């Protein structure tokens, strides 16, 4: 199984543990990928059987004949700002409230999503800093260097210098998370059970607004 960084601790690792306990003779491996494109490449190269990914503008369409892609959950995007920021005490905010802020760019897939969401809201974010890892992004925010949209699956509890502000909208900004397997493999017993186990892991995530 392969997936993006914040899916490893919340979805892939718990699913892998359950599978190993239920089937001790199975070989279950987890790989973190940097980009969604890498997930598709691993599937096509037969180096992964299941991908947990977020589709982007250049991703294969849902009806691509090579894959079977199914929704797993919708992961809300929160605006994360420095503690003490004028928005930090709000119960919720509009994305446009951050239109004049300095922004921090995370890894490419999330950066592309941020650009698309901000464009849909009617503005282009002023990107000043960049960090691939979420720990770096959150550290920059905590030091007052800017703001960022952070998926609900990414924990921020270890950073006292940041505040998480849910966003309003119909719907509120989110990233769709899919499971993806090679076409025709969905019915194989190990793949089918692994997919069910990922759904069980999803149902135990402690993020109230994450939804199917």
N, C-alpha and C. Protein backbone atom coordinates (compact mmCIF):
# COMPACT_ATOMS: atom_id res chain seq x y z
N UNK A 1 0.85 -1.18 0.00
CA UNK A 1 0.00 0.00 0.00
C UNK A 1 0.89 1.24 0.00
N UNK A 2 0.49 2.24 -0.75
CA UNK A 2 1.25 3.49 -0.78
C UNK A 2 0.27 4.64 -0.58
N UNK A 3 0.80 5.77 -0.09
CA UNK A 3 -0.06 6.92 0.12
C UNK A 3 0.72 8.14 0.52
N UNK A 4 0.04 9.28 0.53
CA UNK A 4 0.66 10.55 0.89
C UNK A 4 0.97 10.57 2.38
N UNK A 5 1.84 11.52 2.79
CA UNK A 5 2.43 11.48 4.13
C UNK A 5 1.39 11.42 5.24
N UNK A 6 0.37 12.27 5.20
CA UNK A 6 -0.57 12.32 6.31
C UNK A 6 -1.55 11.15 6.32
N UNK A 7 -1.51 10.32 5.28
CA UNK A 7 -2.34 9.11 5.30
C UNK A 7 -1.64 7.94 5.98
N UNK A 8 -0.32 8.06 6.16
CA UNK A 8 0.43 6.92 6.69
C UNK A 8 0.03 6.64 8.13
N UNK A 9 0.08 7.66 8.98
CA UNK A 9 -0.23 7.44 10.39
C UNK A 9 -1.70 7.25 10.67
N UNK A 10 -2.57 7.84 9.85
CA UNK A 10 -4.00 7.81 10.12
C UNK A 10 -4.72 6.66 9.45
N UNK A 11 -4.23 6.20 8.30
CA UNK A 11 -4.94 5.19 7.52
C UNK A 11 -4.08 3.96 7.23
N UNK A 12 -2.92 4.16 6.61
CA UNK A 12 -2.14 3.02 6.12
C UNK A 12 -1.55 2.18 7.26
N UNK A 13 -0.93 2.83 8.22
CA UNK A 13 -0.31 2.06 9.32
C UNK A 13 -1.36 1.30 10.14
N UNK A 14 -2.47 1.94 10.55
CA UNK A 14 -3.48 1.17 11.28
C UNK A 14 -4.05 0.01 10.47
N UNK A 15 -4.26 0.23 9.16
CA UNK A 15 -4.78 -0.84 8.31
C UNK A 15 -3.76 -1.97 8.20
N UNK A 16 -2.49 -1.63 8.05
CA UNK A 16 -1.44 -2.65 7.93
C UNK A 16 -1.35 -3.50 9.19
N UNK A 17 -1.46 -2.87 10.35
CA UNK A 17 -1.40 -3.62 11.61
C UNK A 17 -2.57 -4.59 11.70
N UNK A 18 -3.76 -4.14 11.35
CA UNK A 18 -4.92 -5.03 11.39
C UNK A 18 -4.76 -6.21 10.44
N UNK A 19 -4.25 -5.93 9.24
CA UNK A 19 -4.07 -7.00 8.26
C UNK A 19 -3.04 -8.02 8.74
N UNK A 20 -1.94 -7.55 9.32
CA UNK A 20 -0.91 -8.47 9.79
C UNK A 20 -1.42 -9.34 10.94
N UNK A 21 -2.24 -8.75 11.80
CA UNK A 21 -2.78 -9.54 12.92
C UNK A 21 -3.77 -10.58 12.41
N UNK A 22 -4.59 -10.20 11.44
CA UNK A 22 -5.60 -11.12 10.92
C UNK A 22 -4.99 -12.18 10.00
N UNK A 23 -3.88 -11.81 9.32
CA UNK A 23 -3.26 -12.72 8.34
C UNK A 23 -1.75 -12.70 8.53
N UNK A 24 -1.26 -13.36 9.56
CA UNK A 24 0.18 -13.29 9.87
C UNK A 24 1.09 -13.80 8.76
N UNK A 25 0.56 -14.56 7.83
CA UNK A 25 1.41 -15.07 6.74
C UNK A 25 1.46 -14.11 5.56
N UNK A 26 0.61 -13.09 5.57
CA UNK A 26 0.65 -12.12 4.48
C UNK A 26 1.84 -11.19 4.64
N UNK A 27 2.38 -10.74 3.53
CA UNK A 27 3.42 -9.71 3.54
C UNK A 27 2.74 -8.37 3.26
N UNK A 28 2.72 -7.51 4.26
CA UNK A 28 2.05 -6.21 4.15
C UNK A 28 3.10 -5.13 4.27
N UNK A 29 3.21 -4.30 3.25
CA UNK A 29 4.21 -3.23 3.24
C UNK A 29 3.55 -1.89 2.96
N UNK A 30 4.09 -0.85 3.56
CA UNK A 30 3.58 0.52 3.42
C UNK A 30 4.69 1.40 2.87
N UNK A 31 4.35 2.25 1.90
CA UNK A 31 5.32 3.18 1.33
C UNK A 31 4.70 4.57 1.27
N UNK A 32 5.41 5.56 1.81
CA UNK A 32 4.98 6.95 1.68
C UNK A 32 5.44 7.50 0.32
N UNK A 33 4.58 8.22 -0.35
CA UNK A 33 4.94 8.83 -1.62
C UNK A 33 4.92 10.35 -1.47
N UNK A 34 5.70 11.01 -2.30
CA UNK A 34 5.80 12.46 -2.25
C UNK A 34 4.69 13.11 -3.06
N UNK A 35 4.33 12.50 -4.20
CA UNK A 35 3.33 13.09 -5.08
C UNK A 35 2.27 12.05 -5.45
N UNK A 36 1.10 12.54 -5.83
CA UNK A 36 0.03 11.67 -6.32
C UNK A 36 0.49 10.90 -7.55
N UNK A 37 1.23 11.56 -8.44
CA UNK A 37 1.71 10.90 -9.65
C UNK A 37 2.55 9.68 -9.32
N UNK A 38 3.34 9.75 -8.25
CA UNK A 38 4.17 8.61 -7.87
C UNK A 38 3.31 7.42 -7.46
N UNK A 39 2.19 7.69 -6.81
CA UNK A 39 1.27 6.62 -6.41
C UNK A 39 0.76 5.87 -7.64
N UNK A 40 0.32 6.61 -8.65
CA UNK A 40 -0.14 5.97 -9.88
C UNK A 40 0.98 5.18 -10.55
N UNK A 41 2.20 5.70 -10.54
CA UNK A 41 3.32 5.00 -11.17
C UNK A 41 3.61 3.68 -10.47
N UNK A 42 3.56 3.68 -9.13
CA UNK A 42 3.81 2.45 -8.39
C UNK A 42 2.75 1.41 -8.68
N UNK A 43 1.51 1.83 -8.84
CA UNK A 43 0.44 0.90 -9.17
C UNK A 43 0.66 0.30 -10.56
N UNK A 44 0.99 1.14 -11.52
CA UNK A 44 1.18 0.66 -12.89
C UNK A 44 2.40 -0.25 -12.99
N UNK A 45 3.41 0.00 -12.17
CA UNK A 45 4.62 -0.81 -12.20
C UNK A 45 4.48 -2.08 -11.37
N UNK A 46 3.30 -2.32 -10.80
CA UNK A 46 3.05 -3.50 -9.97
C UNK A 46 3.94 -3.52 -8.73
N UNK A 47 4.30 -2.33 -8.26
CA UNK A 47 5.09 -2.20 -7.04
C UNK A 47 4.22 -1.83 -5.84
N UNK A 48 2.95 -1.59 -6.08
CA UNK A 48 1.96 -1.37 -5.03
C UNK A 48 0.64 -1.93 -5.53
N UNK A 49 -0.17 -2.41 -4.60
CA UNK A 49 -1.48 -2.95 -4.96
C UNK A 49 -2.61 -1.96 -4.68
N UNK A 50 -2.40 -1.08 -3.70
CA UNK A 50 -3.42 -0.11 -3.31
C UNK A 50 -2.74 1.24 -3.11
N UNK A 51 -3.34 2.28 -3.65
CA UNK A 51 -2.88 3.64 -3.41
C UNK A 51 -3.95 4.42 -2.66
N UNK A 52 -3.52 5.23 -1.71
CA UNK A 52 -4.40 6.20 -1.05
C UNK A 52 -3.91 7.57 -1.51
N UNK A 53 -4.74 8.28 -2.25
CA UNK A 53 -4.25 9.47 -2.94
C UNK A 53 -5.33 10.55 -3.03
N UNK A 54 -4.89 11.73 -3.40
CA UNK A 54 -5.79 12.86 -3.64
C UNK A 54 -5.67 13.25 -5.11
N UNK A 55 -6.73 13.12 -5.89
CA UNK A 55 -6.64 13.43 -7.33
C UNK A 55 -6.40 14.91 -7.57
N UNK A 56 -5.59 15.20 -8.59
CA UNK A 56 -5.28 16.57 -8.98
C UNK A 56 -5.73 16.80 -10.42
N UNK A 57 -5.49 18.00 -10.91
CA UNK A 57 -5.93 18.33 -12.25
C UNK A 57 -5.32 17.46 -13.33
N UNK A 58 -4.08 16.98 -13.11
CA UNK A 58 -3.42 16.14 -14.11
C UNK A 58 -3.51 14.66 -13.78
N UNK A 59 -4.33 14.29 -12.78
CA UNK A 59 -4.51 12.88 -12.44
C UNK A 59 -5.39 12.19 -13.47
N UNK A 60 -5.26 10.87 -13.61
CA UNK A 60 -6.15 10.14 -14.52
C UNK A 60 -7.61 10.34 -14.10
N UNK A 61 -8.54 10.41 -15.05
CA UNK A 61 -9.95 10.55 -14.69
C UNK A 61 -10.46 9.32 -13.95
N UNK A 62 -11.57 9.48 -13.24
CA UNK A 62 -12.10 8.37 -12.45
C UNK A 62 -12.46 7.16 -13.30
N UNK A 63 -12.79 7.39 -14.57
CA UNK A 63 -13.16 6.27 -15.44
C UNK A 63 -11.97 5.75 -16.25
N UNK A 64 -10.74 6.12 -15.88
CA UNK A 64 -9.56 5.59 -16.58
C UNK A 64 -9.59 4.06 -16.53
N UNK A 65 -9.43 3.42 -17.68
CA UNK A 65 -9.59 1.98 -17.77
C UNK A 65 -8.48 1.21 -17.05
N UNK A 66 -7.41 1.89 -16.66
CA UNK A 66 -6.30 1.20 -15.98
C UNK A 66 -6.53 1.03 -14.49
N UNK A 67 -7.46 1.81 -13.93
CA UNK A 67 -7.60 1.87 -12.48
C UNK A 67 -9.06 1.70 -12.04
N UNK A 68 -9.20 1.33 -10.78
CA UNK A 68 -10.49 1.36 -10.09
C UNK A 68 -10.31 2.33 -8.92
N UNK A 69 -10.91 3.52 -9.02
CA UNK A 69 -10.73 4.57 -8.03
C UNK A 69 -12.06 4.82 -7.32
N UNK A 70 -12.02 4.81 -5.98
CA UNK A 70 -13.25 4.97 -5.21
C UNK A 70 -13.02 5.95 -4.05
N UNK A 71 -14.02 6.80 -3.75
CA UNK A 71 -13.87 7.75 -2.65
C UNK A 71 -13.70 7.04 -1.31
N UNK A 72 -12.80 7.56 -0.48
CA UNK A 72 -12.60 7.06 0.86
C UNK A 72 -13.10 8.06 1.90
N UNK A 73 -12.70 9.32 1.75
CA UNK A 73 -13.19 10.38 2.64
C UNK A 73 -12.91 11.73 2.03
N UNK A 74 -13.58 12.74 2.54
CA UNK A 74 -13.28 14.13 2.21
C UNK A 74 -12.61 14.76 3.42
N UNK A 75 -11.41 15.28 3.23
CA UNK A 75 -10.58 15.80 4.31
C UNK A 75 -10.64 17.32 4.31
N UNK A 76 -11.32 17.94 5.30
CA UNK A 76 -11.44 19.41 5.31
C UNK A 76 -10.08 20.10 5.37
N UNK A 77 -10.04 21.28 4.77
CA UNK A 77 -8.85 22.12 4.82
C UNK A 77 -9.09 23.23 5.84
N UNK A 78 -8.21 23.32 6.82
CA UNK A 78 -8.30 24.39 7.82
C UNK A 78 -7.27 25.47 7.53
N UNK A 79 -7.61 26.70 7.84
CA UNK A 79 -6.64 27.79 7.77
C UNK A 79 -5.84 27.78 9.06
N UNK A 80 -4.53 27.62 8.95
CA UNK A 80 -3.67 27.62 10.14
C UNK A 80 -2.88 28.92 10.15
N UNK A 81 -3.00 29.64 11.27
CA UNK A 81 -2.40 30.97 11.41
C UNK A 81 -1.55 31.00 12.68
N UNK A 82 -0.68 32.00 12.82
CA UNK A 82 0.10 32.09 14.06
C UNK A 82 -0.82 32.37 15.25
N UNK A 83 -0.45 31.84 16.40
CA UNK A 83 -1.18 32.16 17.62
C UNK A 83 -1.16 33.68 17.84
N UNK A 84 -2.30 34.24 18.21
CA UNK A 84 -2.39 35.68 18.39
C UNK A 84 -2.74 36.44 17.13
N UNK A 85 -2.80 35.77 15.99
CA UNK A 85 -3.23 36.38 14.74
C UNK A 85 -4.67 36.86 14.88
N UNK A 86 -5.08 37.95 14.18
CA UNK A 86 -6.46 38.43 14.29
C UNK A 86 -7.52 37.37 14.00
N UNK A 87 -7.19 36.34 13.20
CA UNK A 87 -8.16 35.29 12.90
C UNK A 87 -8.11 34.12 13.89
N UNK A 88 -7.12 34.12 14.78
CA UNK A 88 -6.86 32.93 15.58
C UNK A 88 -7.97 32.58 16.56
N UNK A 89 -8.75 33.55 16.98
CA UNK A 89 -9.81 33.28 17.97
C UNK A 89 -11.16 33.03 17.33
N UNK A 90 -11.23 33.05 16.02
CA UNK A 90 -12.52 32.84 15.36
C UNK A 90 -12.94 31.38 15.39
N UNK A 91 -14.24 31.16 15.52
CA UNK A 91 -14.76 29.80 15.45
C UNK A 91 -14.65 29.27 14.03
N UNK A 92 -14.76 30.14 13.04
CA UNK A 92 -14.58 29.78 11.64
C UNK A 92 -14.33 31.05 10.84
N UNK A 93 -13.86 30.89 9.61
CA UNK A 93 -13.53 32.04 8.77
C UNK A 93 -13.83 31.71 7.32
N UNK A 94 -13.79 32.74 6.49
CA UNK A 94 -13.86 32.56 5.03
C UNK A 94 -12.43 32.48 4.50
N UNK A 95 -12.24 31.74 3.43
CA UNK A 95 -10.92 31.68 2.82
C UNK A 95 -10.44 33.06 2.40
N UNK A 96 -11.36 33.89 1.93
CA UNK A 96 -11.00 35.23 1.48
C UNK A 96 -10.50 36.12 2.62
N UNK A 97 -10.75 35.73 3.87
CA UNK A 97 -10.21 36.50 5.00
C UNK A 97 -8.69 36.48 5.01
N UNK A 98 -8.10 35.49 4.33
CA UNK A 98 -6.64 35.38 4.29
C UNK A 98 -6.06 35.84 2.96
N UNK A 99 -6.86 36.56 2.16
CA UNK A 99 -6.42 36.93 0.81
C UNK A 99 -5.21 37.86 0.82
N UNK A 100 -5.05 38.66 1.86
CA UNK A 100 -3.94 39.61 1.91
C UNK A 100 -2.79 39.14 2.80
N UNK A 101 -2.84 37.91 3.22
CA UNK A 101 -1.79 37.37 4.08
C UNK A 101 -0.60 36.89 3.25
N UNK A 102 0.55 36.76 3.90
CA UNK A 102 1.67 36.03 3.32
C UNK A 102 1.39 34.53 3.50
N UNK A 103 1.68 33.75 2.47
CA UNK A 103 1.39 32.33 2.51
C UNK A 103 2.66 31.50 2.48
N UNK A 104 2.57 30.32 3.08
CA UNK A 104 3.66 29.35 3.07
C UNK A 104 3.23 28.21 2.15
N UNK A 105 4.08 27.87 1.20
CA UNK A 105 3.77 26.79 0.26
C UNK A 105 4.28 25.46 0.82
N UNK A 106 3.41 24.46 0.96
CA UNK A 106 3.86 23.12 1.36
C UNK A 106 4.29 22.32 0.13
N UNK A 107 4.29 21.00 0.24
CA UNK A 107 4.69 20.14 -0.87
C UNK A 107 3.80 20.38 -2.09
N UNK A 108 4.25 19.92 -3.25
CA UNK A 108 3.66 20.35 -4.53
C UNK A 108 2.16 20.05 -4.63
N UNK A 109 1.74 18.83 -4.28
CA UNK A 109 0.33 18.49 -4.43
C UNK A 109 -0.55 19.42 -3.61
N UNK A 110 -0.17 19.64 -2.34
CA UNK A 110 -0.98 20.52 -1.50
C UNK A 110 -0.90 21.97 -1.99
N UNK A 111 0.27 22.38 -2.48
CA UNK A 111 0.40 23.73 -3.01
C UNK A 111 -0.53 23.93 -4.21
N UNK A 112 -0.57 22.94 -5.10
CA UNK A 112 -1.47 23.03 -6.25
C UNK A 112 -2.93 23.13 -5.81
N UNK A 113 -3.29 22.37 -4.77
CA UNK A 113 -4.66 22.43 -4.26
C UNK A 113 -4.95 23.80 -3.67
N UNK A 114 -4.01 24.35 -2.93
CA UNK A 114 -4.20 25.69 -2.35
C UNK A 114 -4.40 26.72 -3.45
N UNK A 115 -3.59 26.67 -4.49
CA UNK A 115 -3.73 27.61 -5.59
C UNK A 115 -5.12 27.50 -6.23
N UNK A 116 -5.60 26.26 -6.42
CA UNK A 116 -6.91 26.06 -7.04
C UNK A 116 -8.03 26.57 -6.14
N UNK A 117 -7.94 26.30 -4.83
CA UNK A 117 -8.99 26.74 -3.91
C UNK A 117 -9.01 28.27 -3.79
N UNK A 118 -7.83 28.87 -3.73
CA UNK A 118 -7.77 30.33 -3.65
C UNK A 118 -8.28 30.97 -4.94
N UNK A 119 -7.94 30.39 -6.08
CA UNK A 119 -8.44 30.92 -7.35
C UNK A 119 -9.96 30.84 -7.40
N UNK A 120 -10.53 29.73 -6.91
CA UNK A 120 -11.99 29.61 -6.88
C UNK A 120 -12.62 30.64 -5.95
N UNK A 121 -11.86 31.05 -4.92
CA UNK A 121 -12.35 32.07 -3.99
C UNK A 121 -12.11 33.48 -4.50
N UNK A 122 -11.40 33.61 -5.62
CA UNK A 122 -11.23 34.92 -6.25
C UNK A 122 -9.94 35.64 -5.96
N UNK A 123 -8.90 34.93 -5.51
CA UNK A 123 -7.62 35.61 -5.29
C UNK A 123 -6.47 34.64 -5.50
N UNK A 124 -5.29 35.21 -5.70
CA UNK A 124 -4.06 34.43 -5.81
C UNK A 124 -3.24 34.67 -4.55
N UNK A 125 -2.87 33.62 -3.82
CA UNK A 125 -2.13 33.82 -2.57
C UNK A 125 -0.72 34.35 -2.83
N UNK A 126 -0.26 35.22 -1.94
CA UNK A 126 1.10 35.73 -2.00
C UNK A 126 2.02 34.76 -1.28
N UNK A 127 2.67 33.89 -2.04
CA UNK A 127 3.50 32.83 -1.46
C UNK A 127 4.90 33.36 -1.20
N UNK A 128 5.31 33.33 0.06
CA UNK A 128 6.60 33.90 0.46
C UNK A 128 7.62 32.83 0.82
N UNK A 129 7.17 31.76 1.46
CA UNK A 129 8.09 30.74 1.95
C UNK A 129 7.63 29.36 1.48
N UNK A 130 8.53 28.39 1.57
CA UNK A 130 8.22 27.03 1.13
C UNK A 130 8.87 26.02 2.06
N UNK A 131 8.12 24.96 2.40
CA UNK A 131 8.67 23.83 3.16
C UNK A 131 7.92 22.59 2.73
N UNK A 132 8.64 21.55 2.35
CA UNK A 132 7.98 20.31 1.90
C UNK A 132 7.28 19.59 3.03
N UNK A 133 7.92 19.52 4.20
CA UNK A 133 7.38 18.76 5.33
C UNK A 133 6.45 19.64 6.15
N UNK A 134 5.38 18.99 6.68
CA UNK A 134 4.42 19.76 7.47
C UNK A 134 5.04 20.33 8.73
N UNK A 135 6.03 19.64 9.32
CA UNK A 135 6.68 20.19 10.50
C UNK A 135 7.34 21.53 10.18
N UNK A 136 7.95 21.62 9.00
CA UNK A 136 8.55 22.89 8.60
C UNK A 136 7.52 23.96 8.35
N UNK A 137 6.42 23.60 7.70
CA UNK A 137 5.34 24.55 7.45
C UNK A 137 4.81 25.11 8.77
N UNK A 138 4.53 24.20 9.72
CA UNK A 138 3.96 24.63 11.00
C UNK A 138 4.96 25.46 11.81
N UNK A 139 6.24 25.13 11.70
CA UNK A 139 7.25 25.93 12.40
C UNK A 139 7.30 27.36 11.84
N UNK A 140 7.21 27.48 10.51
CA UNK A 140 7.19 28.82 9.92
C UNK A 140 5.96 29.60 10.36
N UNK A 141 4.81 28.94 10.39
CA UNK A 141 3.59 29.62 10.86
C UNK A 141 3.76 30.04 12.31
N UNK A 142 4.26 29.15 13.15
CA UNK A 142 4.43 29.45 14.58
C UNK A 142 5.34 30.65 14.80
N UNK A 143 6.28 30.88 13.88
CA UNK A 143 7.19 32.03 14.00
C UNK A 143 6.63 33.27 13.32
N UNK A 144 5.37 33.21 12.90
CA UNK A 144 4.74 34.40 12.35
C UNK A 144 5.09 34.70 10.92
N UNK A 145 5.56 33.70 10.16
CA UNK A 145 6.03 33.94 8.81
C UNK A 145 4.92 33.88 7.76
N UNK A 146 3.73 33.43 8.13
CA UNK A 146 2.66 33.35 7.15
C UNK A 146 1.57 32.40 7.60
N UNK A 147 0.68 32.08 6.66
CA UNK A 147 -0.45 31.17 6.93
C UNK A 147 -0.44 30.07 5.87
N UNK A 148 -1.27 29.05 6.10
CA UNK A 148 -1.35 27.96 5.13
C UNK A 148 -2.66 27.21 5.34
N UNK A 149 -3.15 26.57 4.29
CA UNK A 149 -4.23 25.62 4.42
C UNK A 149 -3.64 24.27 4.78
N UNK A 150 -4.13 23.67 5.84
CA UNK A 150 -3.60 22.41 6.35
C UNK A 150 -4.75 21.40 6.43
N UNK A 151 -4.59 20.23 5.82
CA UNK A 151 -5.65 19.22 5.89
C UNK A 151 -5.93 18.79 7.33
N UNK A 152 -7.18 18.43 7.59
CA UNK A 152 -7.57 18.00 8.93
C UNK A 152 -6.79 16.76 9.38
N UNK A 153 -6.35 15.92 8.44
CA UNK A 153 -5.59 14.72 8.80
C UNK A 153 -4.20 15.05 9.34
N UNK A 154 -3.73 16.27 9.12
CA UNK A 154 -2.39 16.66 9.60
C UNK A 154 -2.52 17.22 11.01
N UNK A 155 -1.93 16.58 12.02
CA UNK A 155 -2.06 17.09 13.39
C UNK A 155 -1.25 18.36 13.61
N UNK A 156 -1.80 19.26 14.40
CA UNK A 156 -1.09 20.49 14.75
C UNK A 156 -0.94 20.64 16.26
N UNK A 157 -1.34 19.63 17.02
CA UNK A 157 -1.36 19.73 18.47
C UNK A 157 0.00 19.96 19.10
N UNK A 158 1.07 19.55 18.46
CA UNK A 158 2.39 19.72 19.04
C UNK A 158 2.99 21.09 18.83
N UNK A 159 2.26 21.98 18.18
CA UNK A 159 2.78 23.33 17.90
C UNK A 159 1.92 24.36 18.64
N UNK A 160 2.44 24.85 19.77
CA UNK A 160 1.69 25.81 20.57
C UNK A 160 1.56 27.17 19.89
N UNK A 161 2.41 27.44 18.91
CA UNK A 161 2.41 28.76 18.30
C UNK A 161 1.48 28.91 17.12
N UNK A 162 0.59 27.93 16.90
CA UNK A 162 -0.32 28.02 15.76
C UNK A 162 -1.77 27.86 16.22
N UNK A 163 -2.68 28.37 15.41
CA UNK A 163 -4.12 28.23 15.67
C UNK A 163 -4.79 27.70 14.42
N UNK A 164 -5.68 26.77 14.60
CA UNK A 164 -6.39 26.13 13.49
C UNK A 164 -7.78 26.74 13.40
N UNK A 165 -8.12 27.27 12.23
CA UNK A 165 -9.41 27.94 12.05
C UNK A 165 -10.20 27.21 10.96
N UNK A 166 -11.32 26.55 11.30
CA UNK A 166 -12.15 25.91 10.27
C UNK A 166 -12.69 26.95 9.30
N UNK A 167 -12.90 26.54 8.06
CA UNK A 167 -13.38 27.44 7.02
C UNK A 167 -14.84 27.17 6.69
N UNK A 168 -15.58 28.25 6.43
CA UNK A 168 -16.96 28.13 5.98
C UNK A 168 -16.98 27.91 4.48
N UNK A 169 -18.13 27.45 4.00
CA UNK A 169 -18.31 27.28 2.56
C UNK A 169 -19.37 26.25 2.27
N UNK A 170 -19.87 26.23 1.05
CA UNK A 170 -20.88 25.26 0.64
C UNK A 170 -20.41 24.53 -0.63
N UNK A 171 -19.58 23.51 -0.51
CA UNK A 171 -19.02 23.01 0.75
C UNK A 171 -17.78 23.80 1.17
N UNK A 172 -17.36 23.59 2.42
CA UNK A 172 -16.09 24.16 2.87
C UNK A 172 -14.95 23.51 2.10
N UNK A 173 -13.83 24.20 1.93
CA UNK A 173 -12.70 23.62 1.18
C UNK A 173 -12.25 22.28 1.75
N UNK A 174 -12.00 21.34 0.88
CA UNK A 174 -11.55 20.02 1.30
C UNK A 174 -10.74 19.39 0.19
N UNK A 175 -10.06 18.30 0.52
CA UNK A 175 -9.41 17.47 -0.50
C UNK A 175 -10.08 16.10 -0.47
N UNK A 176 -10.38 15.58 -1.62
CA UNK A 176 -10.99 14.26 -1.71
C UNK A 176 -9.90 13.20 -1.68
N UNK A 177 -10.08 12.21 -0.84
CA UNK A 177 -9.12 11.12 -0.71
C UNK A 177 -9.75 9.86 -1.33
N UNK A 178 -9.01 9.25 -2.24
CA UNK A 178 -9.48 8.06 -2.95
C UNK A 178 -8.62 6.85 -2.60
N UNK A 179 -9.21 5.66 -2.74
CA UNK A 179 -8.40 4.45 -2.86
C UNK A 179 -8.32 4.12 -4.34
N UNK A 180 -7.17 3.62 -4.77
CA UNK A 180 -6.96 3.31 -6.18
C UNK A 180 -6.25 1.97 -6.29
N UNK A 181 -6.80 1.09 -7.12
CA UNK A 181 -6.16 -0.20 -7.41
C UNK A 181 -6.14 -0.38 -8.92
N UNK A 182 -5.34 -1.32 -9.37
CA UNK A 182 -5.35 -1.63 -10.80
C UNK A 182 -6.70 -2.24 -11.18
N UNK A 183 -7.21 -1.88 -12.34
CA UNK A 183 -8.49 -2.41 -12.81
C UNK A 183 -8.45 -3.93 -12.84
N UNK A 184 -9.47 -4.54 -12.26
CA UNK A 184 -9.56 -5.99 -12.22
C UNK A 184 -9.05 -6.61 -10.95
N UNK A 185 -8.31 -5.84 -10.13
CA UNK A 185 -7.75 -6.42 -8.90
C UNK A 185 -8.64 -6.19 -7.69
N UNK A 186 -9.69 -5.38 -7.85
CA UNK A 186 -10.53 -5.00 -6.71
C UNK A 186 -11.15 -6.23 -6.04
N UNK A 187 -11.45 -7.28 -6.82
CA UNK A 187 -12.10 -8.45 -6.26
C UNK A 187 -11.16 -9.49 -5.68
N UNK A 188 -9.85 -9.31 -5.84
CA UNK A 188 -8.90 -10.27 -5.25
C UNK A 188 -9.03 -10.23 -3.74
N UNK A 189 -9.14 -11.38 -3.07
CA UNK A 189 -9.40 -11.37 -1.62
C UNK A 189 -8.44 -10.50 -0.80
N UNK A 190 -7.10 -10.57 -1.02
CA UNK A 190 -6.24 -9.71 -0.20
C UNK A 190 -6.49 -8.22 -0.45
N UNK A 191 -6.70 -7.84 -1.70
CA UNK A 191 -6.95 -6.43 -2.00
C UNK A 191 -8.29 -5.99 -1.42
N UNK A 192 -9.32 -6.83 -1.60
CA UNK A 192 -10.64 -6.48 -1.08
C UNK A 192 -10.61 -6.33 0.44
N UNK A 193 -9.90 -7.22 1.12
CA UNK A 193 -9.84 -7.10 2.58
C UNK A 193 -9.03 -5.90 3.02
N UNK A 194 -7.97 -5.60 2.29
CA UNK A 194 -7.18 -4.41 2.62
C UNK A 194 -8.02 -3.15 2.45
N UNK A 195 -8.82 -3.09 1.41
CA UNK A 195 -9.69 -1.93 1.21
C UNK A 195 -10.71 -1.81 2.34
N UNK A 196 -11.28 -2.93 2.76
CA UNK A 196 -12.22 -2.89 3.89
C UNK A 196 -11.52 -2.41 5.16
N UNK A 197 -10.27 -2.83 5.33
CA UNK A 197 -9.53 -2.43 6.52
C UNK A 197 -9.21 -0.94 6.50
N UNK A 198 -8.93 -0.40 5.33
CA UNK A 198 -8.73 1.04 5.21
C UNK A 198 -10.00 1.80 5.58
N UNK A 199 -11.16 1.27 5.20
CA UNK A 199 -12.43 1.91 5.58
C UNK A 199 -12.62 1.86 7.09
N UNK A 200 -12.23 0.76 7.73
CA UNK A 200 -12.31 0.68 9.18
C UNK A 200 -11.39 1.71 9.84
N UNK A 201 -10.18 1.86 9.29
CA UNK A 201 -9.26 2.86 9.82
C UNK A 201 -9.84 4.27 9.64
N UNK A 202 -10.45 4.51 8.50
CA UNK A 202 -11.10 5.81 8.27
C UNK A 202 -12.16 6.09 9.32
N UNK A 203 -12.96 5.08 9.64
CA UNK A 203 -14.07 5.28 10.56
C UNK A 203 -13.61 5.57 11.98
N UNK A 204 -12.35 5.30 12.28
CA UNK A 204 -11.83 5.55 13.63
C UNK A 204 -11.00 6.82 13.72
N UNK A 205 -10.90 7.56 12.62
CA UNK A 205 -10.14 8.80 12.65
C UNK A 205 -10.86 9.81 13.54
N UNK A 206 -10.10 10.47 14.40
CA UNK A 206 -10.69 11.44 15.32
C UNK A 206 -10.68 12.85 14.72
N UNK A 207 -11.26 12.96 13.55
CA UNK A 207 -11.43 14.28 12.91
C UNK A 207 -12.91 14.39 12.56
N UNK A 208 -13.72 15.04 13.41
CA UNK A 208 -15.18 15.00 13.26
C UNK A 208 -15.70 15.42 11.91
N UNK A 209 -15.01 16.33 11.23
CA UNK A 209 -15.55 16.83 9.98
C UNK A 209 -15.11 16.01 8.77
N UNK A 210 -14.17 15.06 8.98
CA UNK A 210 -13.81 14.17 7.88
C UNK A 210 -15.03 13.32 7.56
N UNK A 211 -15.39 13.23 6.30
CA UNK A 211 -16.62 12.55 5.95
C UNK A 211 -16.39 11.67 4.73
N UNK A 212 -17.29 10.73 4.52
CA UNK A 212 -17.17 9.84 3.37
C UNK A 212 -17.46 10.59 2.09
